[in-house]
Amino acid sequence: MKKRKLITGMVVLLMGISMALSAQKKITGIYRTMNDYLDNQLAYPADSSHTPAIKLYTLAPKSYVTLQYKGEHLHLNKNEIFAYRLTNGEVYRIIGNHSYQVLNNNARLLLYKRKIPASPKEGPEDQFKYYFSPGNGNLQALTAWNVKQAFADHATLPDQIDALFKRDAELLTYDSFHKMYKLEWLLK
């Protein structure tokens, strides 16, 4: 019985440590606005002697993030941050209490993905939901209908979407020749 309690205690301790570590992420900087992101202008950038870290408070949501920068702990309101860039180059936009990975760099249309928590029964593959925002607009589920509504003033986009994409999942088709998503190309 004592051995079982010890093992259970160790498992809980290890889970707590791993959750605390995953809550703080090493970053190369923060984008305060969409224009900063489009122009690659980082605030609080990493340098050779220091890599900043950001704590997002996902388990117990707060209205701010804590940035560990050059020995200081700074509290930045989430609504004053557009996105942050991890050390591996991935960029995540903060909206509410969630982070969405930014997939492209386009002033008219930003595409995102967010990992969906899944049970172990569903298998080891990561599952994602996809979103978009027209320019600096609101985040919406990436569906043909939502894209058509967001760009209703575009003369040919609704017909092009109907002709080129049979399912919503196809909206994320990447055009390797133009080095952009086909949906971005249609908006040019």
N, C-alpha and C. Protein backbone atom coordinates (compact mmCIF):
# COMPACT_ATOMS: atom_id res chain seq x y z
N MET A 1 0.82 -1.19 0.00
CA MET A 1 0.00 0.00 0.00
C MET A 1 0.87 1.26 0.00
N LYS A 2 1.93 1.25 0.84
CA LYS A 2 2.82 2.40 0.91
C LYS A 2 3.54 2.59 -0.42
N LYS A 3 3.92 1.47 -1.06
CA LYS A 3 4.62 1.55 -2.34
C LYS A 3 3.71 2.17 -3.41
N ARG A 4 2.44 1.80 -3.38
CA ARG A 4 1.49 2.34 -4.35
C ARG A 4 1.33 3.85 -4.16
N LYS A 5 1.23 4.31 -2.91
CA LYS A 5 1.11 5.74 -2.63
C LYS A 5 2.36 6.49 -3.07
N LEU A 6 3.52 5.86 -2.86
CA LEU A 6 4.78 6.49 -3.27
C LEU A 6 4.84 6.64 -4.79
N ILE A 7 4.46 5.58 -5.48
CA ILE A 7 4.47 5.63 -6.95
C ILE A 7 3.46 6.66 -7.46
N THR A 8 2.26 6.66 -6.88
CA THR A 8 1.25 7.65 -7.27
C THR A 8 1.75 9.06 -7.01
N GLY A 9 2.37 9.28 -5.87
CA GLY A 9 2.93 10.60 -5.54
C GLY A 9 4.00 11.02 -6.53
N MET A 10 4.86 10.09 -6.92
CA MET A 10 5.92 10.39 -7.89
C MET A 10 5.33 10.75 -9.25
N VAL A 11 4.31 10.00 -9.66
CA VAL A 11 3.68 10.28 -10.95
C VAL A 11 3.05 11.67 -10.93
N VAL A 12 2.34 11.99 -9.86
CA VAL A 12 1.72 13.32 -9.75
C VAL A 12 2.78 14.40 -9.75
N LEU A 13 3.87 14.20 -9.02
CA LEU A 13 4.95 15.18 -8.98
C LEU A 13 5.56 15.38 -10.37
N LEU A 14 5.85 14.28 -11.07
CA LEU A 14 6.43 14.40 -12.41
C LEU A 14 5.48 15.09 -13.38
N MET A 15 4.17 14.80 -13.28
CA MET A 15 3.20 15.47 -14.14
C MET A 15 3.17 16.97 -13.84
N GLY A 16 3.21 17.32 -12.57
CA GLY A 16 3.22 18.73 -12.19
C GLY A 16 4.44 19.46 -12.71
N ILE A 17 5.60 18.81 -12.61
CA ILE A 17 6.84 19.42 -13.11
C ILE A 17 6.77 19.59 -14.62
N SER A 18 6.30 18.55 -15.33
CA SER A 18 6.24 18.66 -16.79
C SER A 18 5.25 19.72 -17.22
N MET A 19 4.12 19.87 -16.49
CA MET A 19 3.15 20.91 -16.84
C MET A 19 3.74 22.28 -16.59
N ALA A 20 4.50 22.45 -15.51
CA ALA A 20 5.11 23.74 -15.22
C ALA A 20 6.14 24.09 -16.27
N LEU A 21 6.91 23.09 -16.71
CA LEU A 21 7.91 23.35 -17.74
C LEU A 21 7.27 23.70 -19.07
N SER A 22 6.17 23.01 -19.41
CA SER A 22 5.55 23.27 -20.69
C SER A 22 4.82 24.61 -20.70
N ALA A 23 4.47 25.12 -19.54
CA ALA A 23 3.76 26.39 -19.48
C ALA A 23 4.69 27.56 -19.79
N GLN A 24 5.99 27.37 -19.59
CA GLN A 24 6.95 28.43 -19.89
C GLN A 24 7.70 28.03 -21.15
N LYS A 25 7.66 28.90 -22.16
CA LYS A 25 8.25 28.58 -23.44
C LYS A 25 9.38 29.55 -23.75
N LYS A 26 10.46 29.01 -24.31
CA LYS A 26 11.58 29.83 -24.75
C LYS A 26 11.20 30.49 -26.07
N ILE A 27 11.42 31.79 -26.16
CA ILE A 27 11.03 32.53 -27.35
C ILE A 27 12.20 33.37 -27.86
N THR A 28 12.07 33.84 -29.08
CA THR A 28 13.06 34.76 -29.63
C THR A 28 12.55 36.19 -29.61
N GLY A 29 11.28 36.37 -29.24
CA GLY A 29 10.74 37.72 -29.13
C GLY A 29 9.23 37.73 -29.28
N ILE A 30 8.69 38.95 -29.19
CA ILE A 30 7.24 39.18 -29.25
C ILE A 30 6.94 40.17 -30.36
N TYR A 31 5.85 39.92 -31.06
CA TYR A 31 5.33 40.88 -32.04
C TYR A 31 4.19 41.62 -31.35
N ARG A 32 4.31 42.91 -31.20
CA ARG A 32 3.26 43.68 -30.53
C ARG A 32 2.04 43.89 -31.42
N THR A 33 2.25 44.04 -32.73
CA THR A 33 1.15 44.29 -33.66
C THR A 33 1.29 43.38 -34.88
N MET A 34 0.23 43.33 -35.69
CA MET A 34 0.30 42.57 -36.92
C MET A 34 1.36 43.16 -37.85
N ASN A 35 1.46 44.47 -37.91
CA ASN A 35 2.48 45.09 -38.76
C ASN A 35 3.88 44.71 -38.31
N ASP A 36 4.10 44.61 -37.00
CA ASP A 36 5.40 44.15 -36.51
C ASP A 36 5.67 42.73 -37.01
N TYR A 37 4.65 41.88 -37.00
CA TYR A 37 4.81 40.51 -37.49
C TYR A 37 5.12 40.51 -38.98
N LEU A 38 4.36 41.27 -39.75
CA LEU A 38 4.57 41.30 -41.21
C LEU A 38 5.95 41.84 -41.56
N ASP A 39 6.46 42.78 -40.74
CA ASP A 39 7.78 43.38 -40.97
C ASP A 39 8.89 42.67 -40.20
N ASN A 40 8.56 41.61 -39.45
CA ASN A 40 9.50 40.85 -38.64
C ASN A 40 10.25 41.74 -37.64
N GLN A 41 9.52 42.61 -36.96
CA GLN A 41 10.08 43.50 -35.95
C GLN A 41 9.74 42.98 -34.56
N LEU A 42 10.70 42.31 -33.94
CA LEU A 42 10.48 41.70 -32.63
C LEU A 42 10.74 42.69 -31.50
N ALA A 43 9.88 42.65 -30.50
CA ALA A 43 10.14 43.34 -29.24
C ALA A 43 10.68 42.30 -28.27
N TYR A 44 11.50 42.71 -27.33
CA TYR A 44 12.13 41.82 -26.36
C TYR A 44 12.86 40.68 -27.06
N PRO A 45 13.76 41.01 -27.99
CA PRO A 45 14.42 39.96 -28.77
C PRO A 45 15.47 39.19 -27.97
N ALA A 46 15.70 37.98 -28.38
CA ALA A 46 16.77 37.17 -27.80
C ALA A 46 18.10 37.70 -28.32
N ASP A 47 19.13 37.50 -27.54
CA ASP A 47 20.47 37.82 -28.01
C ASP A 47 21.41 36.69 -27.62
N SER A 48 22.70 36.84 -27.87
CA SER A 48 23.63 35.74 -27.63
C SER A 48 23.75 35.37 -26.16
N SER A 49 23.42 36.29 -25.26
CA SER A 49 23.57 35.99 -23.83
C SER A 49 22.24 35.69 -23.12
N HIS A 50 21.12 35.91 -23.81
CA HIS A 50 19.84 35.73 -23.13
C HIS A 50 18.75 35.29 -24.10
N THR A 51 18.00 34.27 -23.69
CA THR A 51 16.82 33.83 -24.44
C THR A 51 15.61 34.08 -23.55
N PRO A 52 14.71 34.96 -23.96
CA PRO A 52 13.52 35.23 -23.14
C PRO A 52 12.61 34.01 -23.04
N ALA A 53 11.78 34.01 -22.02
CA ALA A 53 10.78 32.95 -21.85
C ALA A 53 9.44 33.61 -21.56
N ILE A 54 8.38 32.97 -22.02
CA ILE A 54 7.04 33.50 -21.82
C ILE A 54 6.20 32.46 -21.09
N LYS A 55 5.44 32.91 -20.10
CA LYS A 55 4.51 32.05 -19.38
C LYS A 55 3.11 32.50 -19.75
N LEU A 56 2.31 31.56 -20.30
CA LEU A 56 1.02 31.92 -20.89
C LEU A 56 -0.17 31.75 -19.96
N TYR A 57 -0.04 31.01 -18.89
CA TYR A 57 -1.13 30.75 -17.94
C TYR A 57 -2.33 30.11 -18.64
N THR A 58 -2.11 28.96 -19.24
CA THR A 58 -3.20 28.29 -19.94
C THR A 58 -4.08 27.47 -19.00
N LEU A 59 -3.50 26.92 -17.94
CA LEU A 59 -4.31 26.11 -17.02
C LEU A 59 -5.17 26.98 -16.11
N ALA A 60 -4.62 28.07 -15.64
CA ALA A 60 -5.37 29.04 -14.83
C ALA A 60 -5.29 30.37 -15.56
N PRO A 61 -6.18 30.59 -16.54
CA PRO A 61 -6.08 31.76 -17.43
C PRO A 61 -6.03 33.10 -16.69
N LYS A 62 -5.16 33.95 -17.19
CA LYS A 62 -5.04 35.31 -16.69
C LYS A 62 -5.09 36.25 -17.89
N SER A 63 -5.27 37.53 -17.64
CA SER A 63 -5.38 38.51 -18.72
C SER A 63 -4.01 38.97 -19.20
N TYR A 64 -2.96 38.43 -18.64
CA TYR A 64 -1.61 38.83 -19.00
C TYR A 64 -0.72 37.60 -19.14
N VAL A 65 0.44 37.82 -19.74
CA VAL A 65 1.49 36.82 -19.78
C VAL A 65 2.66 37.36 -18.97
N THR A 66 3.50 36.47 -18.52
CA THR A 66 4.71 36.91 -17.82
C THR A 66 5.89 36.63 -18.73
N LEU A 67 6.66 37.67 -18.98
CA LEU A 67 7.83 37.56 -19.84
C LEU A 67 9.07 37.65 -18.97
N GLN A 68 9.90 36.62 -19.05
CA GLN A 68 11.17 36.63 -18.34
C GLN A 68 12.19 37.16 -19.34
N TYR A 69 12.66 38.38 -19.09
CA TYR A 69 13.53 39.05 -20.06
C TYR A 69 14.69 39.72 -19.32
N LYS A 70 15.88 39.23 -19.59
CA LYS A 70 17.11 39.77 -19.00
C LYS A 70 17.01 39.90 -17.49
N GLY A 71 16.55 38.83 -16.85
CA GLY A 71 16.49 38.79 -15.40
C GLY A 71 15.26 39.44 -14.78
N GLU A 72 14.43 40.07 -15.57
CA GLU A 72 13.22 40.71 -15.06
C GLU A 72 12.00 39.88 -15.42
N HIS A 73 10.96 40.01 -14.60
CA HIS A 73 9.68 39.37 -14.88
C HIS A 73 8.69 40.48 -15.22
N LEU A 74 8.31 40.56 -16.48
CA LEU A 74 7.41 41.61 -16.95
C LEU A 74 6.02 41.03 -17.20
N HIS A 75 4.98 41.73 -16.75
CA HIS A 75 3.60 41.33 -17.04
C HIS A 75 3.10 42.16 -18.21
N LEU A 76 2.74 41.48 -19.29
CA LEU A 76 2.23 42.14 -20.49
C LEU A 76 0.80 41.68 -20.73
N ASN A 77 -0.12 42.61 -20.93
CA ASN A 77 -1.51 42.26 -21.21
C ASN A 77 -1.59 41.49 -22.52
N LYS A 78 -2.40 40.45 -22.53
CA LYS A 78 -2.53 39.62 -23.73
C LYS A 78 -3.06 40.41 -24.91
N ASN A 79 -3.92 41.41 -24.65
CA ASN A 79 -4.48 42.17 -25.76
C ASN A 79 -3.48 43.19 -26.32
N GLU A 80 -2.30 43.30 -25.73
CA GLU A 80 -1.26 44.19 -26.24
C GLU A 80 -0.18 43.41 -27.00
N ILE A 81 -0.41 42.11 -27.17
CA ILE A 81 0.56 41.26 -27.87
C ILE A 81 -0.14 40.63 -29.07
N PHE A 82 0.45 40.74 -30.23
CA PHE A 82 -0.11 40.08 -31.40
C PHE A 82 0.31 38.61 -31.41
N ALA A 83 1.62 38.36 -31.25
CA ALA A 83 2.12 37.00 -31.34
C ALA A 83 3.48 36.90 -30.67
N TYR A 84 3.94 35.68 -30.51
CA TYR A 84 5.30 35.43 -30.03
C TYR A 84 5.94 34.38 -30.93
N ARG A 85 7.27 34.44 -31.03
CA ARG A 85 7.99 33.49 -31.88
C ARG A 85 8.85 32.59 -31.01
N LEU A 86 8.67 31.28 -31.16
CA LEU A 86 9.46 30.31 -30.42
C LEU A 86 10.87 30.22 -31.00
N THR A 87 11.76 29.59 -30.26
CA THR A 87 13.14 29.45 -30.73
C THR A 87 13.24 28.56 -31.96
N ASN A 88 12.23 27.72 -32.21
CA ASN A 88 12.26 26.87 -33.42
C ASN A 88 11.69 27.60 -34.65
N GLY A 89 11.29 28.87 -34.48
CA GLY A 89 10.80 29.68 -35.60
C GLY A 89 9.29 29.73 -35.73
N GLU A 90 8.56 28.85 -35.03
CA GLU A 90 7.11 28.89 -35.10
C GLU A 90 6.58 30.15 -34.42
N VAL A 91 5.51 30.71 -35.01
CA VAL A 91 4.90 31.93 -34.48
C VAL A 91 3.50 31.58 -34.01
N TYR A 92 3.14 32.07 -32.82
CA TYR A 92 1.83 31.81 -32.24
C TYR A 92 1.16 33.13 -31.89
N ARG A 93 -0.08 33.26 -32.33
CA ARG A 93 -0.88 34.44 -32.02
C ARG A 93 -1.69 34.16 -30.76
N ILE A 94 -1.73 35.14 -29.87
CA ILE A 94 -2.49 35.00 -28.63
C ILE A 94 -3.84 35.66 -28.84
N ILE A 95 -4.90 34.86 -28.69
CA ILE A 95 -6.26 35.39 -28.76
C ILE A 95 -7.01 34.80 -27.57
N GLY A 96 -7.42 35.67 -26.68
CA GLY A 96 -8.07 35.20 -25.47
C GLY A 96 -7.09 34.40 -24.64
N ASN A 97 -7.48 33.19 -24.28
CA ASN A 97 -6.62 32.32 -23.49
C ASN A 97 -6.00 31.20 -24.30
N HIS A 98 -5.97 31.37 -25.62
CA HIS A 98 -5.42 30.33 -26.49
C HIS A 98 -4.34 30.91 -27.39
N SER A 99 -3.46 30.02 -27.82
CA SER A 99 -2.43 30.38 -28.80
C SER A 99 -2.70 29.60 -30.08
N TYR A 100 -2.60 30.28 -31.20
CA TYR A 100 -2.85 29.70 -32.51
C TYR A 100 -1.59 29.85 -33.35
N GLN A 101 -1.11 28.76 -33.92
CA GLN A 101 0.09 28.83 -34.74
C GLN A 101 -0.23 29.56 -36.05
N VAL A 102 0.55 30.58 -36.36
CA VAL A 102 0.38 31.35 -37.60
C VAL A 102 1.10 30.60 -38.71
N LEU A 103 0.41 30.34 -39.81
CA LEU A 103 0.96 29.52 -40.89
C LEU A 103 1.54 30.34 -42.04
N ASN A 104 1.20 31.62 -42.13
CA ASN A 104 1.66 32.41 -43.27
C ASN A 104 1.92 33.85 -42.84
N ASN A 105 2.36 34.65 -43.78
CA ASN A 105 2.67 36.06 -43.52
C ASN A 105 2.04 36.89 -44.64
N ASN A 106 0.75 37.22 -44.47
CA ASN A 106 0.01 37.91 -45.52
C ASN A 106 -0.90 38.95 -44.86
N ALA A 107 -0.79 40.19 -45.28
CA ALA A 107 -1.56 41.27 -44.66
C ALA A 107 -3.07 41.12 -44.87
N ARG A 108 -3.50 40.49 -45.96
CA ARG A 108 -4.94 40.36 -46.23
C ARG A 108 -5.57 39.14 -45.59
N LEU A 109 -4.79 38.07 -45.41
CA LEU A 109 -5.33 36.82 -44.91
C LEU A 109 -4.27 36.09 -44.09
N LEU A 110 -4.57 35.85 -42.82
CA LEU A 110 -3.69 35.05 -41.99
C LEU A 110 -4.35 33.72 -41.71
N LEU A 111 -3.58 32.65 -41.83
CA LEU A 111 -4.07 31.30 -41.60
C LEU A 111 -3.44 30.76 -40.32
N TYR A 112 -4.21 29.98 -39.56
CA TYR A 112 -3.76 29.48 -38.27
C TYR A 112 -4.15 28.02 -38.10
N LYS A 113 -3.46 27.37 -37.16
CA LYS A 113 -3.90 26.06 -36.72
C LYS A 113 -3.74 25.98 -35.21
N ARG A 114 -4.59 25.15 -34.61
CA ARG A 114 -4.56 24.96 -33.16
C ARG A 114 -4.73 23.48 -32.88
N LYS A 115 -3.85 22.95 -32.04
CA LYS A 115 -3.91 21.54 -31.70
C LYS A 115 -5.14 21.28 -30.84
N ILE A 116 -5.86 20.21 -31.18
CA ILE A 116 -7.05 19.81 -30.45
C ILE A 116 -6.63 18.76 -29.43
N PRO A 117 -6.94 18.99 -28.16
CA PRO A 117 -6.64 17.94 -27.18
C PRO A 117 -7.40 16.66 -27.55
N ALA A 118 -6.69 15.55 -27.52
CA ALA A 118 -7.31 14.28 -27.89
C ALA A 118 -7.04 13.24 -26.81
N SER A 119 -7.92 12.29 -26.73
CA SER A 119 -7.73 11.20 -25.77
C SER A 119 -6.76 10.18 -26.36
N PRO A 120 -6.10 9.41 -25.51
CA PRO A 120 -5.18 8.38 -26.02
C PRO A 120 -5.86 7.35 -26.90
N LYS A 121 -7.16 7.17 -26.76
CA LYS A 121 -7.89 6.19 -27.57
C LYS A 121 -7.92 6.58 -29.04
N GLU A 122 -7.82 7.88 -29.32
CA GLU A 122 -7.91 8.36 -30.70
C GLU A 122 -6.61 8.16 -31.48
N GLY A 123 -5.56 7.74 -30.80
CA GLY A 123 -4.31 7.47 -31.48
C GLY A 123 -3.28 8.55 -31.25
N PRO A 124 -2.04 8.27 -31.67
CA PRO A 124 -0.95 9.20 -31.41
C PRO A 124 -0.89 10.41 -32.34
N GLU A 125 -1.65 10.39 -33.42
CA GLU A 125 -1.58 11.50 -34.37
C GLU A 125 -2.19 12.76 -33.78
N ASP A 126 -1.49 13.88 -34.00
CA ASP A 126 -2.02 15.17 -33.56
C ASP A 126 -3.19 15.56 -34.44
N GLN A 127 -4.21 16.14 -33.84
CA GLN A 127 -5.36 16.63 -34.57
C GLN A 127 -5.37 18.14 -34.44
N PHE A 128 -5.72 18.83 -35.52
CA PHE A 128 -5.72 20.29 -35.52
C PHE A 128 -7.04 20.82 -36.04
N LYS A 129 -7.37 22.03 -35.60
CA LYS A 129 -8.46 22.81 -36.18
C LYS A 129 -7.80 23.99 -36.87
N TYR A 130 -8.38 24.42 -37.98
CA TYR A 130 -7.78 25.49 -38.77
C TYR A 130 -8.68 26.72 -38.75
N TYR A 131 -8.04 27.88 -38.76
CA TYR A 131 -8.72 29.16 -38.66
C TYR A 131 -8.09 30.15 -39.63
N PHE A 132 -8.76 31.29 -39.78
CA PHE A 132 -8.21 32.38 -40.57
C PHE A 132 -8.70 33.69 -39.97
N SER A 133 -8.01 34.74 -40.34
CA SER A 133 -8.51 36.09 -40.02
C SER A 133 -8.24 36.96 -41.24
N PRO A 134 -9.24 37.73 -41.65
CA PRO A 134 -9.02 38.65 -42.76
C PRO A 134 -8.24 39.86 -42.24
N GLY A 135 -6.99 39.98 -42.65
CA GLY A 135 -6.15 41.07 -42.16
C GLY A 135 -6.03 40.99 -40.65
N ASN A 136 -6.33 42.08 -39.99
CA ASN A 136 -6.25 42.13 -38.54
C ASN A 136 -7.62 41.88 -37.92
N GLY A 137 -8.50 41.22 -38.65
CA GLY A 137 -9.87 40.99 -38.20
C GLY A 137 -10.00 39.85 -37.21
N ASN A 138 -11.23 39.47 -36.97
CA ASN A 138 -11.53 38.42 -36.01
C ASN A 138 -11.16 37.05 -36.54
N LEU A 139 -10.75 36.19 -35.64
CA LEU A 139 -10.44 34.81 -35.96
C LEU A 139 -11.73 34.04 -36.22
N GLN A 140 -11.73 33.23 -37.30
CA GLN A 140 -12.91 32.45 -37.67
C GLN A 140 -12.46 31.06 -38.09
N ALA A 141 -13.35 30.09 -37.97
CA ALA A 141 -13.07 28.75 -38.47
C ALA A 141 -12.84 28.82 -39.97
N LEU A 142 -11.86 28.06 -40.45
CA LEU A 142 -11.53 28.07 -41.87
C LEU A 142 -12.50 27.17 -42.62
N THR A 143 -13.56 27.80 -43.13
CA THR A 143 -14.53 27.11 -43.97
C THR A 143 -14.74 27.96 -45.22
N ALA A 144 -15.16 27.32 -46.28
CA ALA A 144 -15.41 28.06 -47.53
C ALA A 144 -16.44 29.15 -47.30
N TRP A 145 -17.50 28.83 -46.56
CA TRP A 145 -18.55 29.81 -46.30
C TRP A 145 -18.01 31.03 -45.55
N ASN A 146 -17.21 30.80 -44.51
CA ASN A 146 -16.67 31.92 -43.73
C ASN A 146 -15.72 32.78 -44.56
N VAL A 147 -14.92 32.15 -45.40
CA VAL A 147 -14.00 32.93 -46.25
C VAL A 147 -14.78 33.77 -47.24
N LYS A 148 -15.81 33.18 -47.84
CA LYS A 148 -16.64 33.94 -48.79
C LYS A 148 -17.30 35.13 -48.09
N GLN A 149 -17.79 34.93 -46.87
CA GLN A 149 -18.43 36.02 -46.13
C GLN A 149 -17.43 37.10 -45.75
N ALA A 150 -16.23 36.71 -45.37
CA ALA A 150 -15.22 37.68 -44.94
C ALA A 150 -14.72 38.52 -46.10
N PHE A 151 -14.73 37.95 -47.30
CA PHE A 151 -14.25 38.68 -48.49
C PHE A 151 -15.39 38.84 -49.49
N ALA A 152 -16.56 39.19 -49.01
CA ALA A 152 -17.74 39.33 -49.85
C ALA A 152 -17.56 40.39 -50.93
N ASP A 153 -16.71 41.39 -50.69
CA ASP A 153 -16.49 42.45 -51.67
C ASP A 153 -15.55 42.04 -52.80
N HIS A 154 -14.90 40.88 -52.69
CA HIS A 154 -14.00 40.40 -53.73
C HIS A 154 -14.84 39.85 -54.88
N ALA A 155 -14.65 40.36 -56.07
CA ALA A 155 -15.53 40.05 -57.21
C ALA A 155 -15.53 38.58 -57.61
N THR A 156 -14.38 37.93 -57.63
CA THR A 156 -14.31 36.58 -58.18
C THR A 156 -14.05 35.49 -57.14
N LEU A 157 -13.71 35.85 -55.92
CA LEU A 157 -13.30 34.85 -54.93
C LEU A 157 -14.36 33.78 -54.66
N PRO A 158 -15.63 34.12 -54.44
CA PRO A 158 -16.60 33.04 -54.16
C PRO A 158 -16.67 31.99 -55.27
N ASP A 159 -16.67 32.42 -56.51
CA ASP A 159 -16.72 31.46 -57.62
C ASP A 159 -15.44 30.64 -57.72
N GLN A 160 -14.31 31.27 -57.48
CA GLN A 160 -13.04 30.56 -57.53
C GLN A 160 -12.96 29.51 -56.41
N ILE A 161 -13.44 29.85 -55.23
CA ILE A 161 -13.45 28.89 -54.13
C ILE A 161 -14.31 27.68 -54.49
N ASP A 162 -15.50 27.95 -55.04
CA ASP A 162 -16.39 26.85 -55.44
C ASP A 162 -15.75 25.97 -56.51
N ALA A 163 -15.01 26.57 -57.43
CA ALA A 163 -14.41 25.82 -58.53
C ALA A 163 -13.18 25.03 -58.10
N LEU A 164 -12.39 25.58 -57.18
CA LEU A 164 -11.11 24.96 -56.84
C LEU A 164 -11.12 24.08 -55.60
N PHE A 165 -12.03 24.32 -54.68
CA PHE A 165 -12.02 23.60 -53.40
C PHE A 165 -13.35 22.87 -53.21
N LYS A 166 -13.29 21.57 -53.16
CA LYS A 166 -14.51 20.77 -52.98
C LYS A 166 -14.85 20.58 -51.50
N ARG A 167 -13.82 20.58 -50.65
CA ARG A 167 -14.01 20.41 -49.20
C ARG A 167 -13.25 21.51 -48.47
N ASP A 168 -13.69 21.81 -47.24
CA ASP A 168 -13.03 22.85 -46.45
C ASP A 168 -11.55 22.53 -46.20
N ALA A 169 -11.21 21.26 -46.05
CA ALA A 169 -9.82 20.87 -45.79
C ALA A 169 -8.90 21.28 -46.94
N GLU A 170 -9.43 21.40 -48.14
CA GLU A 170 -8.62 21.77 -49.30
C GLU A 170 -8.25 23.25 -49.30
N LEU A 171 -8.87 24.04 -48.44
CA LEU A 171 -8.54 25.47 -48.38
C LEU A 171 -7.10 25.70 -47.94
N LEU A 172 -6.49 24.71 -47.34
CA LEU A 172 -5.10 24.83 -46.90
C LEU A 172 -4.11 24.23 -47.91
N THR A 173 -4.52 24.07 -49.13
CA THR A 173 -3.63 23.56 -50.16
C THR A 173 -2.51 24.57 -50.40
N TYR A 174 -1.27 24.05 -50.38
CA TYR A 174 -0.11 24.91 -50.55
C TYR A 174 0.36 24.86 -51.99
N ASP A 175 0.63 26.01 -52.56
CA ASP A 175 1.12 26.13 -53.93
C ASP A 175 2.64 26.28 -53.87
N SER A 176 3.36 25.20 -54.13
CA SER A 176 4.82 25.24 -54.00
C SER A 176 5.47 26.09 -55.08
N PHE A 177 4.82 26.28 -56.21
CA PHE A 177 5.38 27.14 -57.26
C PHE A 177 5.39 28.60 -56.81
N HIS A 178 4.27 29.07 -56.28
CA HIS A 178 4.17 30.46 -55.82
C HIS A 178 4.63 30.65 -54.38
N LYS A 179 4.90 29.53 -53.69
CA LYS A 179 5.36 29.53 -52.30
C LYS A 179 4.38 30.25 -51.37
N MET A 180 3.11 29.88 -51.55
CA MET A 180 2.05 30.42 -50.68
C MET A 180 0.84 29.50 -50.78
N TYR A 181 -0.08 29.67 -49.87
CA TYR A 181 -1.31 28.89 -49.92
C TYR A 181 -2.15 29.37 -51.09
N LYS A 182 -2.87 28.46 -51.73
CA LYS A 182 -3.68 28.81 -52.91
C LYS A 182 -4.72 29.87 -52.57
N LEU A 183 -5.24 29.81 -51.37
CA LEU A 183 -6.22 30.81 -50.94
C LEU A 183 -5.60 32.21 -50.94
N GLU A 184 -4.36 32.32 -50.52
CA GLU A 184 -3.66 33.60 -50.56
C GLU A 184 -3.50 34.08 -52.01
N TRP A 185 -3.16 33.14 -52.88
CA TRP A 185 -2.95 33.49 -54.28
C TRP A 185 -4.23 34.02 -54.91
N LEU A 186 -5.37 33.44 -54.54
CA LEU A 186 -6.64 33.89 -55.08
C LEU A 186 -7.00 35.32 -54.63
N LEU A 187 -6.49 35.72 -53.50
CA LEU A 187 -6.77 37.06 -52.99
C LEU A 187 -5.86 38.13 -53.58
N LYS A 188 -4.84 37.73 -54.31
CA LYS A 188 -3.92 38.72 -54.91
C LYS A 188 -4.61 39.54 -55.95
